Protein backbone atom coordinates (compact mmCIF):
# COMPACT_ATOMS: atom_id res chain seq x y z
CA MET A 1 44.61 227.99 300.56
CA ARG A 2 41.29 228.33 299.64
CA ARG A 3 41.77 225.65 296.96
CA LEU A 4 43.23 223.32 299.03
CA ARG A 5 40.81 223.65 301.81
CA LYS A 6 38.24 222.26 299.69
CA GLU A 7 40.42 219.52 297.64
CA ARG A 8 39.55 218.29 301.49
CA ASP A 9 36.18 219.42 302.27
CA LEU A 10 37.12 221.49 304.56
CA THR A 11 35.60 224.85 305.91
CA GLN A 12 37.24 228.04 307.11
CA LYS A 13 35.76 226.72 310.55
CA ASP A 14 37.48 223.64 310.05
CA ILE A 15 40.73 225.07 309.15
CA ALA A 16 40.82 228.24 312.21
CA GLU A 17 39.91 225.26 314.67
CA ILE A 18 43.17 223.13 313.35
CA PHE A 19 45.44 226.05 313.40
CA LYS A 20 43.58 227.51 316.52
CA MET A 21 43.11 231.42 314.74
CA SER A 22 40.06 232.64 313.91
CA GLU A 23 37.56 232.16 310.98
CA SER A 24 37.69 235.68 310.07
CA ALA A 25 41.49 235.42 309.45
CA ILE A 26 41.02 232.27 307.88
CA SER A 27 38.79 233.98 305.20
CA MET A 28 41.23 236.98 304.91
CA TYR A 29 44.28 235.16 303.96
CA GLU A 30 42.00 234.10 301.21
CA ARG A 31 41.20 236.79 299.78
CA ASN A 32 44.42 238.07 300.10
CA GLN A 33 43.46 240.50 302.48
CA ARG A 34 45.75 239.34 305.52
CA GLU A 35 49.29 237.50 304.93
CA PRO A 36 49.46 235.50 307.31
CA SER A 37 53.28 235.15 309.63
CA PHE A 38 55.97 233.17 307.87
CA GLU A 39 55.50 230.87 310.55
CA GLN A 40 52.59 230.15 309.66
CA VAL A 41 52.92 229.42 306.26
CA LYS A 42 55.30 226.72 306.98
CA GLU A 43 52.27 225.06 309.09
CA PHE A 44 49.97 225.77 306.15
CA ALA A 45 52.52 223.96 303.50
CA ASP A 46 53.05 221.53 306.63
CA TYR A 47 49.78 220.24 307.04
CA PHE A 48 48.39 220.35 303.13
CA HIS A 49 51.51 218.57 302.24
CA VAL A 50 52.67 221.26 299.89
CA SER A 51 55.77 223.37 299.76
CA VAL A 52 55.90 227.37 301.15
CA ASP A 53 56.79 228.28 297.99
CA TRP A 54 53.80 226.77 295.66
CA LEU A 55 51.24 227.76 298.93
CA MET A 56 52.97 231.29 298.28
CA GLY A 57 52.11 231.46 293.90
CA ARG A 58 56.21 231.34 293.91
CA SER A 59 56.67 227.22 292.11
CA GLU A 60 54.41 225.50 289.77
CA SER A 61 55.03 222.22 291.65
CA ARG A 62 53.37 221.51 294.83
CA ASN A 63 55.68 219.48 296.63
CA ASP A 64 59.67 220.13 296.48
CA ILE A 65 59.72 216.29 297.76
CA ASP A 66 57.70 213.07 297.13
CA TYR A 67 55.95 212.78 300.45
CA THR A 68 55.11 209.13 299.52
CA GLN A 69 58.35 207.82 298.89
CA ALA A 70 59.24 209.71 301.42
CA GLN A 71 56.95 207.94 303.53
CA LYS A 72 57.58 204.64 301.77
CA ASN A 73 61.20 205.24 302.83
CA GLU A 74 60.62 205.70 306.51
CA ARG A 75 58.69 202.25 306.45
CA MET A 76 61.77 201.04 305.03
CA ILE A 77 63.75 201.57 307.54
CA LYS A 78 61.69 201.34 310.48
CA GLU A 79 61.21 197.79 308.70
CA THR A 80 65.11 197.33 308.63
CA GLU A 81 65.57 198.54 311.46
CA ALA A 82 62.95 195.73 313.08
CA LEU A 83 65.04 193.25 310.66
CA LEU A 84 68.61 193.89 312.61
CA TYR A 85 67.29 193.40 316.12
CA ASP A 86 65.44 190.16 314.76
CA PRO A 87 67.11 187.51 316.65
CA ASP A 88 67.08 184.61 314.05
CA VAL A 89 69.15 187.42 311.66
CA GLN A 90 71.38 188.48 314.46
CA PHE A 91 71.99 184.49 314.75
CA ILE A 92 72.68 183.95 310.98
CA ALA A 93 75.08 186.69 311.02
CA ARG A 94 76.90 185.33 313.60
CA SER A 95 77.17 181.69 312.29
CA LYS A 96 77.93 183.00 309.14
CA GLN A 97 81.22 183.29 310.68
CA GLU A 98 81.61 180.17 312.24
CA MET A 99 80.67 178.38 309.02
CA SER A 100 82.01 176.60 306.86
CA PRO A 101 82.09 177.66 303.34
CA GLU A 102 79.86 174.54 302.06
CA ALA A 103 77.34 175.05 304.89
CA PHE A 104 77.71 178.93 304.55
CA ARG A 105 76.00 178.19 300.75
CA LYS A 106 73.49 175.94 301.20
CA LEU A 107 72.23 178.55 303.82
CA MET A 108 71.75 181.15 301.51
CA GLU A 109 70.10 178.44 298.91
CA LEU A 110 67.21 177.82 301.35
CA THR A 111 67.08 180.60 301.85
CA LYS A 112 66.54 181.79 298.43
CA LEU A 113 64.39 179.01 297.63
CA ALA A 114 62.26 180.82 301.29
CA LYS A 115 62.14 184.14 299.26
CA GLU A 116 61.01 182.51 296.04
CA LEU A 117 58.07 181.04 298.50
CA VAL A 118 57.50 184.04 299.64
CA VAL A 119 57.31 186.34 296.64
CA ASN A 120 54.86 183.48 294.99
CA GLU A 121 52.51 183.05 298.10
CA THR A 122 52.70 186.95 298.21
CA SER A 123 51.69 187.23 294.60
CA LYS A 124 48.78 184.37 294.50
CA ASP A 125 47.45 186.31 298.08
CA ASN A 126 47.47 189.70 295.51
CA GLN A 127 45.69 188.06 292.42
CA ASN A 128 43.23 186.80 294.67
CA GLY A 129 42.35 190.25 296.48
CA LYS A 130 44.08 189.33 300.08
């Protein structure tokens, strides 16, 4: 735990305040003079984004899951949900059933062109540091 605390430039006092426990308890945990409860171990693991097994010295892998990927997945889910409720998307979905195949093909061509435009503009913005 000392290693994780120092990686974040936190003091034992900081950790004690975060977890609402005494500074001496944190000190004893770090010196292996006292063991935290399993609930406390889970709280420490969640806070430091490491697995309980790693924190307990039972695994070489810090994370059982890739938190960065999990955050990306969560963001993608939220964006997809927002898109599903977008009135324009709902209009297109409803209209597809009423459109002729030719009209739908033209709509998809326009969509493809719009996508290319967005990709190109995003690429330009990234190159210009925006």
